[in-house]
């Protein structure tokens, strides 16, 4: 997967997580994702949009 990002124009991969899902939130943070936005998604459910900057 590393090679795929290195050879593409992708600057930010994104993920969504429910704010109460602490295990998933912590996992995303551990691999470098940061909270980007908070938004209602999936039928009005609150989600954090997480993103990671690729260097």
C-alpha atoms as a PDB file:
ATOM      1  CA  UNK A   1       0.000   0.000   0.000  1.00  0.00           C
ATOM      2  CA  UNK A   2       2.901   2.368   0.698  1.00  0.00           C
ATOM      3  CA  UNK A   3       3.984   2.145  -2.949  1.00  0.00           C
ATOM      4  CA  UNK A   4       0.452   2.904  -4.092  1.00  0.00           C
ATOM      5  CA  UNK A   5       0.378   6.205  -2.180  1.00  0.00           C
ATOM      6  CA  UNK A   6       3.894   7.116  -3.300  1.00  0.00           C
ATOM      7  CA  UNK A   7       2.956   6.807  -6.968  1.00  0.00           C
ATOM      8  CA  UNK A   8      -0.413   8.572  -6.844  1.00  0.00           C
ATOM      9  CA  UNK A   9      -1.615  12.128  -6.409  1.00  0.00           C
ATOM     10  CA  UNK A  10      -3.429  11.288  -3.168  1.00  0.00           C
ATOM     11  CA  UNK A  11      -2.503  13.802  -0.494  1.00  0.00           C
ATOM     12  CA  UNK A  12      -4.998  12.860   2.234  1.00  0.00           C
ATOM     13  CA  UNK A  13      -6.618   9.494   2.927  1.00  0.00           C
ATOM     14  CA  UNK A  14      -9.824   9.877   4.964  1.00  0.00           C
ATOM     15  CA  UNK A  15     -11.744   7.734   7.446  1.00  0.00           C
ATOM     16  CA  UNK A  16     -14.927   8.236   9.447  1.00  0.00           C
ATOM     17  CA  UNK A  17     -15.554   7.176  13.033  1.00  0.00           C
ATOM     18  CA  UNK A  18     -18.320   7.664  15.591  1.00  0.00           C
ATOM     19  CA  UNK A  19     -17.072   9.917  18.444  1.00  0.00           C
ATOM     20  CA  UNK A  20     -18.047   7.278  21.041  1.00  0.00           C
ATOM     21  CA  UNK A  21     -16.054   4.537  19.308  1.00  0.00           C
ATOM     22  CA  UNK A  22     -12.927   5.181  21.335  1.00  0.00           C
ATOM     23  CA  UNK A  23     -11.106   2.019  20.230  1.00  0.00           C
ATOM     24  CA  UNK A  24     -11.378   2.914  16.528  1.00  0.00           C
ATOM     25  CA  UNK A  25     -10.611   6.556  17.204  1.00  0.00           C
ATOM     26  CA  UNK A  26      -7.460   5.601  19.122  1.00  0.00           C
ATOM     27  CA  UNK A  27      -6.411   3.172  16.378  1.00  0.00           C
ATOM     28  CA  UNK A  28      -6.722   5.867  13.722  1.00  0.00           C
ATOM     29  CA  UNK A  29      -4.796   8.349  15.859  1.00  0.00           C
ATOM     30  CA  UNK A  30      -2.060   5.768  16.449  1.00  0.00           C
ATOM     31  CA  UNK A  31      -1.452   5.485  12.715  1.00  0.00           C
ATOM     32  CA  UNK A  32      -1.342   9.242  12.199  1.00  0.00           C
ATOM     33  CA  UNK A  33      -4.932  10.314  11.488  1.00  0.00           C
ATOM     34  CA  UNK A  34      -6.193  13.569  12.999  1.00  0.00           C
ATOM     35  CA  UNK A  35      -9.707  14.899  13.444  1.00  0.00           C
ATOM     36  CA  UNK A  36     -10.495  17.043  10.423  1.00  0.00           C
ATOM     37  CA  UNK A  37     -14.245  17.720  10.729  1.00  0.00           C
ATOM     38  CA  UNK A  38     -17.341  16.685  12.606  1.00  0.00           C
ATOM     39  CA  UNK A  39     -20.339  16.018  10.382  1.00  0.00           C
ATOM     40  CA  UNK A  40     -23.753  14.364  10.264  1.00  0.00           C
ATOM     41  CA  UNK A  41     -23.535  11.359   7.923  1.00  0.00           C
ATOM     42  CA  UNK A  42     -25.180   8.010   7.247  1.00  0.00           C
ATOM     43  CA  UNK A  43     -28.741   9.096   7.909  1.00  0.00           C
ATOM     44  CA  UNK A  44     -28.034  11.868  10.409  1.00  0.00           C
ATOM     45  CA  UNK A  45     -25.469  10.116  12.625  1.00  0.00           C
ATOM     46  CA  UNK A  46     -22.594  12.220  13.939  1.00  0.00           C
ATOM     47  CA  UNK A  47     -19.162  11.220  12.678  1.00  0.00           C
ATOM     48  CA  UNK A  48     -15.640  12.501  12.964  1.00  0.00           C
ATOM     49  CA  UNK A  49     -13.947  12.758   9.607  1.00  0.00           C
ATOM     50  CA  UNK A  50     -10.326  11.806  10.147  1.00  0.00           C
ATOM     51  CA  UNK A  51      -7.521  12.474   7.718  1.00  0.00           C
ATOM     52  CA  UNK A  52      -3.842  11.762   7.468  1.00  0.00           C
ATOM     53  CA  UNK A  53      -1.364  13.865   5.560  1.00  0.00           C
ATOM     54  CA  UNK A  54       0.926  11.829   3.343  1.00  0.00           C
ATOM     55  CA  UNK A  55       4.432  13.161   3.128  1.00  0.00           C
END
